[in-house]
Amino acid sequence: YKEFTALSRVNLQVYRGEILGIVGRNGAGKSTLLKVVSRVLIPTEGRVRLTGRVSPLLELGAGFHPELTGRENIFLNGALLGHTRREIETRLDEIVAFAELESFIDAPLRTYSTGMIARLGFSIATTWHPDILILDEILAVGDENFREKCGVRMNKFKEEGTTILLVSHNADNIENMCSRA
């Protein structure tokens, strides 16, 4: 095999309440960086220091099972994020309502559109107040109304001190939402 270094000598400090935009060409290492910060990937050298509960939304459909219903996937994804069944049950209606999926929540995920999956993933990841929210191109899908709703929730998180790492190829998203990029 051929060795490939996705990230090298990255030194980054992100502060509480900051929304950091991460931009770059395809293949530049943006998603890899988020996976390392989320502890999905372990760096071969160096370290990552985090303070607080991390809620990553890394890839569309990550942590979901296509044969399970939307409701079942809420429990699956919520458990992967470290929430108990009881915690998920108490927030279930809120998750479904934010995702605007009331009519589809008991249908298998394989029948959902890309936008519906994105709405469900974002809703699950942001229903609980994370200390660190990691979003990888998730705002690129969904309709304008839902993107605005996401922006309102992200601004509320920022006001409450949540740190957000946002990968986006949309310059307007970076400019409007981020403290720095």
N, C-alpha and C. Protein backbone atom coordinates (compact mmCIF):
# COMPACT_ATOMS: atom_id res chain seq x y z
N TYR A 1 0.83 -1.18 0.00
CA TYR A 1 0.00 0.00 0.00
C TYR A 1 0.87 1.24 0.00
N LYS A 2 0.28 2.34 -0.38
CA LYS A 2 0.99 3.61 -0.40
C LYS A 2 0.54 4.42 0.81
N GLU A 3 1.49 4.90 1.59
CA GLU A 3 1.18 5.69 2.78
C GLU A 3 0.73 7.09 2.37
N PHE A 4 -0.28 7.58 3.06
CA PHE A 4 -0.81 8.92 2.78
C PHE A 4 -1.03 9.64 4.10
N THR A 5 -0.50 10.82 4.21
CA THR A 5 -0.69 11.63 5.42
C THR A 5 -1.78 12.65 5.14
N ALA A 6 -2.91 12.49 5.84
CA ALA A 6 -4.05 13.39 5.63
C ALA A 6 -3.85 14.72 6.36
N LEU A 7 -3.24 14.67 7.53
CA LEU A 7 -3.01 15.87 8.33
C LEU A 7 -1.58 15.84 8.85
N SER A 8 -0.94 16.98 8.87
CA SER A 8 0.43 17.04 9.37
C SER A 8 0.64 18.35 10.10
N ARG A 9 1.19 18.28 11.30
CA ARG A 9 1.52 19.45 12.11
C ARG A 9 0.35 20.43 12.26
N VAL A 10 -0.80 19.90 12.58
CA VAL A 10 -1.96 20.75 12.83
C VAL A 10 -1.91 21.19 14.28
N ASN A 11 -1.96 22.48 14.49
CA ASN A 11 -1.99 23.04 15.83
C ASN A 11 -3.17 24.00 15.86
N LEU A 12 -4.18 23.65 16.58
CA LEU A 12 -5.43 24.41 16.53
C LEU A 12 -6.01 24.54 17.92
N GLN A 13 -6.39 25.75 18.29
CA GLN A 13 -7.05 25.97 19.56
C GLN A 13 -8.38 26.66 19.25
N VAL A 14 -9.45 26.06 19.73
CA VAL A 14 -10.78 26.60 19.52
C VAL A 14 -11.36 26.91 20.90
N TYR A 15 -11.97 28.06 21.03
CA TYR A 15 -12.42 28.53 22.33
C TYR A 15 -13.92 28.28 22.53
N ARG A 16 -14.29 28.20 23.80
CA ARG A 16 -15.69 27.99 24.18
C ARG A 16 -16.57 29.06 23.53
N GLY A 17 -17.66 28.62 22.91
CA GLY A 17 -18.61 29.53 22.30
C GLY A 17 -18.24 30.00 20.91
N GLU A 18 -17.13 29.54 20.41
CA GLU A 18 -16.68 29.96 19.09
C GLU A 18 -17.27 29.05 18.00
N ILE A 19 -17.61 29.62 16.87
CA ILE A 19 -17.98 28.83 15.70
C ILE A 19 -16.83 28.96 14.72
N LEU A 20 -16.13 27.84 14.53
CA LEU A 20 -14.96 27.82 13.66
C LEU A 20 -15.34 27.19 12.33
N GLY A 21 -15.17 27.92 11.26
CA GLY A 21 -15.39 27.40 9.92
C GLY A 21 -14.13 26.73 9.41
N ILE A 22 -14.30 25.57 8.81
CA ILE A 22 -13.16 24.85 8.24
C ILE A 22 -13.43 24.71 6.76
N VAL A 23 -12.54 25.28 5.96
CA VAL A 23 -12.72 25.30 4.51
C VAL A 23 -11.49 24.70 3.83
N GLY A 24 -11.68 24.29 2.61
CA GLY A 24 -10.56 23.75 1.83
C GLY A 24 -11.09 22.89 0.69
N ARG A 25 -10.20 22.57 -0.21
CA ARG A 25 -10.55 21.73 -1.36
C ARG A 25 -10.94 20.33 -0.91
N ASN A 26 -11.61 19.60 -1.80
CA ASN A 26 -11.88 18.19 -1.55
C ASN A 26 -10.55 17.47 -1.37
N GLY A 27 -10.47 16.63 -0.34
CA GLY A 27 -9.25 15.88 -0.09
C GLY A 27 -8.23 16.62 0.75
N ALA A 28 -8.56 17.82 1.22
CA ALA A 28 -7.61 18.61 1.99
C ALA A 28 -7.46 18.14 3.44
N GLY A 29 -8.38 17.30 3.93
CA GLY A 29 -8.28 16.78 5.29
C GLY A 29 -9.31 17.34 6.25
N LYS A 30 -10.28 18.07 5.76
CA LYS A 30 -11.29 18.68 6.63
C LYS A 30 -12.07 17.63 7.42
N SER A 31 -12.62 16.66 6.72
CA SER A 31 -13.40 15.61 7.38
C SER A 31 -12.52 14.76 8.28
N THR A 32 -11.30 14.52 7.88
CA THR A 32 -10.36 13.76 8.70
C THR A 32 -10.11 14.50 10.02
N LEU A 33 -9.92 15.80 9.94
CA LEU A 33 -9.72 16.60 11.14
C LEU A 33 -10.91 16.46 12.09
N LEU A 34 -12.12 16.56 11.55
CA LEU A 34 -13.31 16.43 12.39
C LEU A 34 -13.42 15.04 13.01
N LYS A 35 -13.04 14.01 12.25
CA LYS A 35 -13.07 12.64 12.78
C LYS A 35 -12.05 12.46 13.89
N VAL A 36 -10.90 13.09 13.78
CA VAL A 36 -9.90 13.01 14.84
C VAL A 36 -10.41 13.73 16.09
N VAL A 37 -10.97 14.92 15.90
CA VAL A 37 -11.50 15.67 17.03
C VAL A 37 -12.65 14.91 17.70
N SER A 38 -13.46 14.23 16.90
CA SER A 38 -14.60 13.46 17.41
C SER A 38 -14.19 12.12 18.02
N ARG A 39 -12.92 11.78 17.86
CA ARG A 39 -12.36 10.51 18.33
C ARG A 39 -12.90 9.31 17.58
N VAL A 40 -13.32 9.54 16.35
CA VAL A 40 -13.67 8.44 15.45
C VAL A 40 -12.38 7.85 14.89
N LEU A 41 -11.41 8.70 14.61
CA LEU A 41 -10.07 8.28 14.19
C LEU A 41 -9.07 8.67 15.28
N ILE A 42 -8.09 7.83 15.46
CA ILE A 42 -7.04 8.10 16.44
C ILE A 42 -5.81 8.58 15.69
N PRO A 43 -5.24 9.73 16.08
CA PRO A 43 -4.06 10.22 15.37
C PRO A 43 -2.87 9.29 15.57
N THR A 44 -2.05 9.15 14.54
CA THR A 44 -0.85 8.31 14.65
C THR A 44 0.21 8.97 15.52
N GLU A 45 0.14 10.28 15.63
CA GLU A 45 1.01 11.00 16.56
C GLU A 45 0.30 12.27 16.98
N GLY A 46 0.74 12.83 18.09
CA GLY A 46 0.11 14.05 18.60
C GLY A 46 -1.05 13.72 19.51
N ARG A 47 -1.83 14.73 19.84
CA ARG A 47 -2.94 14.54 20.76
C ARG A 47 -4.05 15.54 20.49
N VAL A 48 -5.21 15.19 20.99
CA VAL A 48 -6.38 16.06 20.92
C VAL A 48 -6.89 16.19 22.35
N ARG A 49 -7.05 17.41 22.81
CA ARG A 49 -7.60 17.65 24.14
C ARG A 49 -8.94 18.34 24.00
N LEU A 50 -9.96 17.73 24.60
CA LEU A 50 -11.32 18.27 24.55
C LEU A 50 -11.84 18.42 25.97
N THR A 51 -12.68 19.42 26.15
CA THR A 51 -13.38 19.59 27.42
C THR A 51 -14.86 19.66 27.11
N GLY A 52 -15.59 18.65 27.55
CA GLY A 52 -17.04 18.68 27.37
C GLY A 52 -17.55 17.56 26.50
N ARG A 53 -18.87 17.52 26.39
CA ARG A 53 -19.57 16.50 25.61
C ARG A 53 -19.59 16.89 24.14
N VAL A 54 -19.14 15.96 23.30
CA VAL A 54 -19.05 16.20 21.86
C VAL A 54 -20.24 15.56 21.17
N SER A 55 -20.87 16.30 20.27
CA SER A 55 -21.95 15.77 19.46
C SER A 55 -21.57 15.92 17.99
N PRO A 56 -21.07 14.84 17.36
CA PRO A 56 -20.63 14.96 15.97
C PRO A 56 -21.73 14.56 14.98
N LEU A 57 -21.83 15.32 13.92
CA LEU A 57 -22.68 14.96 12.79
C LEU A 57 -21.75 14.98 11.59
N LEU A 58 -21.06 13.85 11.39
CA LEU A 58 -19.94 13.82 10.46
C LEU A 58 -20.31 13.51 9.03
N GLU A 59 -21.12 12.52 8.82
CA GLU A 59 -21.48 12.14 7.46
C GLU A 59 -22.97 11.90 7.41
N LEU A 60 -23.55 12.21 6.29
CA LEU A 60 -24.97 11.99 6.13
C LEU A 60 -25.28 10.51 6.32
N GLY A 61 -26.10 10.21 7.30
CA GLY A 61 -26.49 8.83 7.54
C GLY A 61 -25.57 8.06 8.46
N ALA A 62 -24.48 8.68 8.92
CA ALA A 62 -23.57 7.98 9.84
C ALA A 62 -24.31 7.70 11.14
N GLY A 63 -24.20 6.48 11.61
CA GLY A 63 -24.89 6.09 12.84
C GLY A 63 -26.34 5.70 12.62
N PHE A 64 -26.78 5.65 11.37
CA PHE A 64 -28.14 5.25 11.04
C PHE A 64 -28.12 3.89 10.37
N HIS A 65 -29.25 3.17 10.46
CA HIS A 65 -29.40 1.89 9.77
C HIS A 65 -30.58 2.04 8.81
N PRO A 66 -30.36 1.78 7.52
CA PRO A 66 -31.41 2.04 6.51
C PRO A 66 -32.67 1.19 6.67
N GLU A 67 -32.56 0.03 7.28
CA GLU A 67 -33.74 -0.84 7.42
C GLU A 67 -34.57 -0.50 8.64
N LEU A 68 -34.01 0.27 9.57
CA LEU A 68 -34.77 0.67 10.76
C LEU A 68 -35.61 1.89 10.43
N THR A 69 -36.68 2.10 11.18
CA THR A 69 -37.53 3.28 10.98
C THR A 69 -36.80 4.52 11.50
N GLY A 70 -37.34 5.67 11.17
CA GLY A 70 -36.80 6.91 11.71
C GLY A 70 -36.81 6.89 13.22
N ARG A 71 -37.91 6.43 13.81
CA ARG A 71 -38.03 6.35 15.27
C ARG A 71 -36.95 5.44 15.85
N GLU A 72 -36.77 4.27 15.27
CA GLU A 72 -35.74 3.34 15.75
C GLU A 72 -34.35 3.92 15.60
N ASN A 73 -34.13 4.65 14.52
CA ASN A 73 -32.83 5.29 14.30
C ASN A 73 -32.57 6.41 15.30
N ILE A 74 -33.60 7.05 15.78
CA ILE A 74 -33.43 8.06 16.82
C ILE A 74 -32.85 7.40 18.07
N PHE A 75 -33.40 6.24 18.44
CA PHE A 75 -32.90 5.54 19.61
C PHE A 75 -31.47 5.03 19.38
N LEU A 76 -31.21 4.51 18.19
CA LEU A 76 -29.87 4.02 17.87
C LEU A 76 -28.86 5.16 17.91
N ASN A 77 -29.14 6.24 17.21
CA ASN A 77 -28.20 7.36 17.14
C ASN A 77 -28.05 8.04 18.49
N GLY A 78 -29.16 8.19 19.20
CA GLY A 78 -29.11 8.79 20.54
C GLY A 78 -28.22 7.98 21.47
N ALA A 79 -28.33 6.65 21.38
CA ALA A 79 -27.48 5.78 22.21
C ALA A 79 -26.01 5.93 21.82
N LEU A 80 -25.73 6.04 20.53
CA LEU A 80 -24.35 6.24 20.08
C LEU A 80 -23.78 7.56 20.60
N LEU A 81 -24.66 8.53 20.83
CA LEU A 81 -24.22 9.82 21.37
C LEU A 81 -24.13 9.80 22.90
N GLY A 82 -24.47 8.65 23.49
CA GLY A 82 -24.31 8.50 24.94
C GLY A 82 -25.54 8.77 25.77
N HIS A 83 -26.71 8.82 25.14
CA HIS A 83 -27.94 9.10 25.87
C HIS A 83 -28.64 7.80 26.25
N THR A 84 -29.31 7.82 27.38
CA THR A 84 -30.06 6.65 27.82
C THR A 84 -31.39 6.58 27.09
N ARG A 85 -32.01 5.41 27.14
CA ARG A 85 -33.32 5.24 26.51
C ARG A 85 -34.34 6.24 27.08
N ARG A 86 -34.28 6.42 28.39
CA ARG A 86 -35.20 7.36 29.04
C ARG A 86 -34.98 8.80 28.55
N GLU A 87 -33.72 9.19 28.43
CA GLU A 87 -33.41 10.54 27.92
C GLU A 87 -33.94 10.71 26.50
N ILE A 88 -33.79 9.69 25.69
CA ILE A 88 -34.25 9.74 24.30
C ILE A 88 -35.77 9.80 24.26
N GLU A 89 -36.43 8.98 25.08
CA GLU A 89 -37.90 8.98 25.12
C GLU A 89 -38.46 10.35 25.48
N THR A 90 -37.80 11.04 26.43
CA THR A 90 -38.30 12.35 26.84
C THR A 90 -38.11 13.42 25.76
N ARG A 91 -37.19 13.20 24.84
CA ARG A 91 -36.93 14.18 23.77
C ARG A 91 -37.44 13.73 22.40
N LEU A 92 -38.04 12.57 22.33
CA LEU A 92 -38.45 11.99 21.04
C LEU A 92 -39.36 12.93 20.24
N ASP A 93 -40.41 13.45 20.87
CA ASP A 93 -41.34 14.34 20.14
C ASP A 93 -40.65 15.60 19.65
N GLU A 94 -39.76 16.13 20.47
CA GLU A 94 -39.01 17.33 20.09
C GLU A 94 -38.11 17.06 18.88
N ILE A 95 -37.46 15.90 18.86
CA ILE A 95 -36.58 15.53 17.75
C ILE A 95 -37.40 15.42 16.46
N VAL A 96 -38.51 14.71 16.54
CA VAL A 96 -39.36 14.50 15.36
C VAL A 96 -39.92 15.82 14.85
N ALA A 97 -40.38 16.67 15.76
CA ALA A 97 -40.96 17.95 15.37
C ALA A 97 -39.93 18.86 14.71
N PHE A 98 -38.72 18.93 15.29
CA PHE A 98 -37.70 19.79 14.68
C PHE A 98 -37.33 19.29 13.29
N ALA A 99 -37.25 17.98 13.13
CA ALA A 99 -36.90 17.39 11.84
C ALA A 99 -38.05 17.46 10.84
N GLU A 100 -39.25 17.80 11.33
CA GLU A 100 -40.46 17.90 10.49
C GLU A 100 -40.75 16.57 9.79
N LEU A 101 -40.68 15.47 10.56
CA LEU A 101 -40.85 14.14 9.98
C LEU A 101 -42.00 13.35 10.60
N GLU A 102 -42.97 14.05 11.19
CA GLU A 102 -44.07 13.37 11.87
C GLU A 102 -44.74 12.31 10.99
N SER A 103 -44.96 12.60 9.72
CA SER A 103 -45.67 11.67 8.82
C SER A 103 -44.80 10.49 8.37
N PHE A 104 -43.49 10.57 8.59
CA PHE A 104 -42.58 9.56 8.06
C PHE A 104 -41.79 8.81 9.13
N ILE A 105 -41.99 9.17 10.39
CA ILE A 105 -41.10 8.69 11.44
C ILE A 105 -41.14 7.17 11.61
N ASP A 106 -42.22 6.52 11.21
CA ASP A 106 -42.30 5.06 11.34
C ASP A 106 -42.03 4.32 10.03
N ALA A 107 -41.53 5.05 9.04
CA ALA A 107 -41.13 4.44 7.76
C ALA A 107 -39.64 4.10 7.83
N PRO A 108 -39.20 3.07 7.10
CA PRO A 108 -37.77 2.74 7.09
C PRO A 108 -36.94 3.90 6.53
N LEU A 109 -35.76 4.07 7.07
CA LEU A 109 -34.89 5.17 6.66
C LEU A 109 -34.54 5.09 5.17
N ARG A 110 -34.50 3.88 4.60
CA ARG A 110 -34.17 3.73 3.18
C ARG A 110 -35.19 4.43 2.28
N THR A 111 -36.37 4.76 2.83
CA THR A 111 -37.38 5.46 2.04
C THR A 111 -37.27 6.98 2.16
N TYR A 112 -36.34 7.46 2.99
CA TYR A 112 -36.17 8.89 3.22
C TYR A 112 -35.33 9.51 2.11
N SER A 113 -35.59 10.76 1.82
CA SER A 113 -34.73 11.52 0.91
C SER A 113 -33.46 11.93 1.66
N THR A 114 -32.48 12.40 0.93
CA THR A 114 -31.24 12.89 1.52
C THR A 114 -31.53 14.02 2.51
N GLY A 115 -32.41 14.92 2.14
CA GLY A 115 -32.76 16.04 3.01
C GLY A 115 -33.43 15.58 4.30
N MET A 116 -34.29 14.57 4.20
CA MET A 116 -34.97 14.04 5.39
C MET A 116 -33.96 13.41 6.34
N ILE A 117 -33.00 12.68 5.81
CA ILE A 117 -31.97 12.06 6.64
C ILE A 117 -31.13 13.14 7.32
N ALA A 118 -30.79 14.18 6.58
CA ALA A 118 -30.01 15.28 7.15
C ALA A 118 -30.79 15.97 8.26
N ARG A 119 -32.08 16.21 8.05
CA ARG A 119 -32.90 16.85 9.08
C ARG A 119 -32.96 15.99 10.34
N LEU A 120 -33.12 14.68 10.16
CA LEU A 120 -33.18 13.79 11.32
C LEU A 120 -31.85 13.78 12.06
N GLY A 121 -30.76 13.67 11.34
CA GLY A 121 -29.43 13.66 11.96
C GLY A 121 -29.14 14.94 12.71
N PHE A 122 -29.43 16.08 12.09
CA PHE A 122 -29.19 17.37 12.74
C PHE A 122 -30.05 17.51 13.99
N SER A 123 -31.29 17.09 13.89
CA SER A 123 -32.20 17.20 15.02
C SER A 123 -31.73 16.37 16.20
N ILE A 124 -31.29 15.14 15.94
CA ILE A 124 -30.79 14.29 17.03
C ILE A 124 -29.54 14.89 17.65
N ALA A 125 -28.60 15.32 16.81
CA ALA A 125 -27.32 15.82 17.29
C ALA A 125 -27.46 17.11 18.08
N THR A 126 -28.53 17.88 17.82
CA THR A 126 -28.64 19.20 18.44
C THR A 126 -29.80 19.32 19.43
N THR A 127 -30.54 18.26 19.67
CA THR A 127 -31.64 18.36 20.62
C THR A 127 -31.11 18.53 22.04
N TRP A 128 -30.06 17.80 22.37
CA TRP A 128 -29.41 18.01 23.65
C TRP A 128 -28.38 19.10 23.47
N HIS A 129 -28.09 19.81 24.52
CA HIS A 129 -27.14 20.92 24.44
C HIS A 129 -25.71 20.38 24.52
N PRO A 130 -25.04 20.22 23.38
CA PRO A 130 -23.66 19.72 23.43
C PRO A 130 -22.71 20.84 23.84
N ASP A 131 -21.57 20.46 24.39
CA ASP A 131 -20.52 21.44 24.65
C ASP A 131 -19.78 21.75 23.37
N ILE A 132 -19.61 20.72 22.54
CA ILE A 132 -18.91 20.85 21.26
C ILE A 132 -19.76 20.18 20.18
N LEU A 133 -20.15 20.93 19.18
CA LEU A 133 -20.95 20.41 18.06
C LEU A 133 -20.08 20.40 16.82
N ILE A 134 -20.02 19.24 16.16
CA ILE A 134 -19.17 19.09 14.98
C ILE A 134 -20.05 18.76 13.78
N LEU A 135 -20.02 19.63 12.78
CA LEU A 135 -20.89 19.50 11.61
C LEU A 135 -20.06 19.46 10.33
N ASP A 136 -20.21 18.39 9.57
CA ASP A 136 -19.46 18.23 8.33
C ASP A 136 -20.41 18.32 7.14
N GLU A 137 -20.45 19.48 6.51
CA GLU A 137 -21.24 19.71 5.29
C GLU A 137 -22.72 19.41 5.45
N ILE A 138 -23.22 19.38 6.66
CA ILE A 138 -24.60 18.99 6.88
C ILE A 138 -25.57 20.08 6.43
N LEU A 139 -25.14 21.32 6.40
CA LEU A 139 -26.03 22.40 6.00
C LEU A 139 -26.14 22.53 4.48
N ALA A 140 -25.45 21.67 3.76
CA ALA A 140 -25.51 21.71 2.29
C ALA A 140 -26.78 21.06 1.77
N VAL A 141 -27.45 20.28 2.61
CA VAL A 141 -28.68 19.60 2.18
C VAL A 141 -29.87 20.19 2.91
N GLY A 142 -31.04 19.88 2.44
CA GLY A 142 -32.24 20.41 3.05
C GLY A 142 -32.67 21.70 2.38
N ASP A 143 -33.92 22.07 2.62
CA ASP A 143 -34.45 23.27 1.99
C ASP A 143 -34.06 24.52 2.78
N GLU A 144 -34.35 25.66 2.20
CA GLU A 144 -33.95 26.95 2.78
C GLU A 144 -34.54 27.15 4.17
N ASN A 145 -35.82 26.78 4.35
CA ASN A 145 -36.46 26.95 5.66
C ASN A 145 -35.73 26.15 6.74
N PHE A 146 -35.36 24.91 6.40
CA PHE A 146 -34.68 24.09 7.39
C PHE A 146 -33.28 24.63 7.68
N ARG A 147 -32.58 25.11 6.67
CA ARG A 147 -31.25 25.68 6.90
C ARG A 147 -31.34 26.91 7.81
N GLU A 148 -32.40 27.71 7.64
CA GLU A 148 -32.59 28.87 8.51
C GLU A 148 -32.84 28.42 9.95
N LYS A 149 -33.65 27.37 10.11
CA LYS A 149 -33.93 26.82 11.43
C LYS A 149 -32.65 26.32 12.09
N CYS A 150 -31.79 25.68 11.30
CA CYS A 150 -30.50 25.20 11.81
C CYS A 150 -29.65 26.39 12.25
N GLY A 151 -29.64 27.44 11.46
CA GLY A 151 -28.87 28.63 11.80
C GLY A 151 -29.33 29.27 13.10
N VAL A 152 -30.64 29.32 13.31
CA VAL A 152 -31.18 29.86 14.55
C VAL A 152 -30.73 29.01 15.74
N ARG A 153 -30.79 27.68 15.59
CA ARG A 153 -30.38 26.79 16.68
C ARG A 153 -28.88 26.94 16.95
N MET A 154 -28.09 27.05 15.89
CA MET A 154 -26.64 27.19 16.06
C MET A 154 -26.30 28.51 16.74
N ASN A 155 -27.00 29.58 16.40
CA ASN A 155 -26.75 30.87 17.05
C ASN A 155 -27.13 30.82 18.53
N LYS A 156 -28.20 30.10 18.85
CA LYS A 156 -28.60 29.92 20.25
C LYS A 156 -27.51 29.16 21.00
N PHE A 157 -26.98 28.10 20.38
CA PHE A 157 -25.89 27.36 21.00
C PHE A 157 -24.69 28.26 21.24
N LYS A 158 -24.37 29.09 20.25
CA LYS A 158 -23.22 29.98 20.39
C LYS A 158 -23.42 30.91 21.59
N GLU A 159 -24.63 31.47 21.70
CA GLU A 159 -24.94 32.36 22.83
C GLU A 159 -24.83 31.64 24.16
N GLU A 160 -25.12 30.33 24.17
CA GLU A 160 -25.08 29.54 25.41
C GLU A 160 -23.70 28.93 25.66
N GLY A 161 -22.73 29.22 24.78
CA GLY A 161 -21.36 28.78 25.02
C GLY A 161 -20.94 27.50 24.33
N THR A 162 -21.77 26.96 23.43
CA THR A 162 -21.38 25.76 22.69
C THR A 162 -20.32 26.13 21.65
N THR A 163 -19.32 25.29 21.55
CA THR A 163 -18.29 25.45 20.53
C THR A 163 -18.73 24.65 19.31
N ILE A 164 -18.62 25.24 18.12
CA ILE A 164 -19.06 24.57 16.90
C ILE A 164 -17.92 24.56 15.89
N LEU A 165 -17.65 23.37 15.36
CA LEU A 165 -16.71 23.23 14.24
C LEU A 165 -17.57 22.92 13.02
N LEU A 166 -17.47 23.74 12.00
CA LEU A 166 -18.34 23.64 10.83
C LEU A 166 -17.52 23.55 9.55
N VAL A 167 -17.64 22.42 8.86
CA VAL A 167 -17.05 22.30 7.53
C VAL A 167 -18.13 22.66 6.52
N SER A 168 -17.79 23.56 5.61
CA SER A 168 -18.74 23.95 4.58
C SER A 168 -17.98 24.47 3.37
N HIS A 169 -18.53 24.19 2.19
CA HIS A 169 -17.99 24.77 0.97
C HIS A 169 -18.78 26.02 0.59
N ASN A 170 -19.79 26.35 1.41
CA ASN A 170 -20.64 27.50 1.14
C ASN A 170 -20.05 28.72 1.85
N ALA A 171 -19.51 29.64 1.07
CA ALA A 171 -18.86 30.84 1.64
C ALA A 171 -19.83 31.66 2.46
N ASP A 172 -21.10 31.73 2.05
CA ASP A 172 -22.09 32.49 2.81
C ASP A 172 -22.29 31.90 4.21
N ASN A 173 -22.38 30.55 4.29
CA ASN A 173 -22.52 29.90 5.61
C ASN A 173 -21.34 30.26 6.51
N ILE A 174 -20.14 30.16 5.97
CA ILE A 174 -18.93 30.45 6.75
C ILE A 174 -18.95 31.90 7.20
N GLU A 175 -19.23 32.80 6.27
CA GLU A 175 -19.22 34.23 6.59
C GLU A 175 -20.29 34.60 7.59
N ASN A 176 -21.50 34.07 7.44
CA ASN A 176 -22.63 34.45 8.29
C ASN A 176 -22.61 33.80 9.66
N MET A 177 -22.06 32.60 9.78
CA MET A 177 -22.18 31.86 11.03
C MET A 177 -20.90 31.84 11.86
N CYS A 178 -19.75 31.97 11.24
CA CYS A 178 -18.50 31.65 11.94
C CYS A 178 -17.81 32.87 12.52
N SER A 179 -17.17 32.66 13.67
CA SER A 179 -16.35 33.69 14.31
C SER A 179 -15.06 33.87 13.53
N ARG A 180 -14.53 32.74 13.05
CA ARG A 180 -13.30 32.73 12.23
C ARG A 180 -13.29 31.46 11.42
N ALA A 181 -12.40 31.41 10.43
CA ALA A 181 -12.32 30.22 9.57
C ALA A 181 -10.87 29.89 9.31
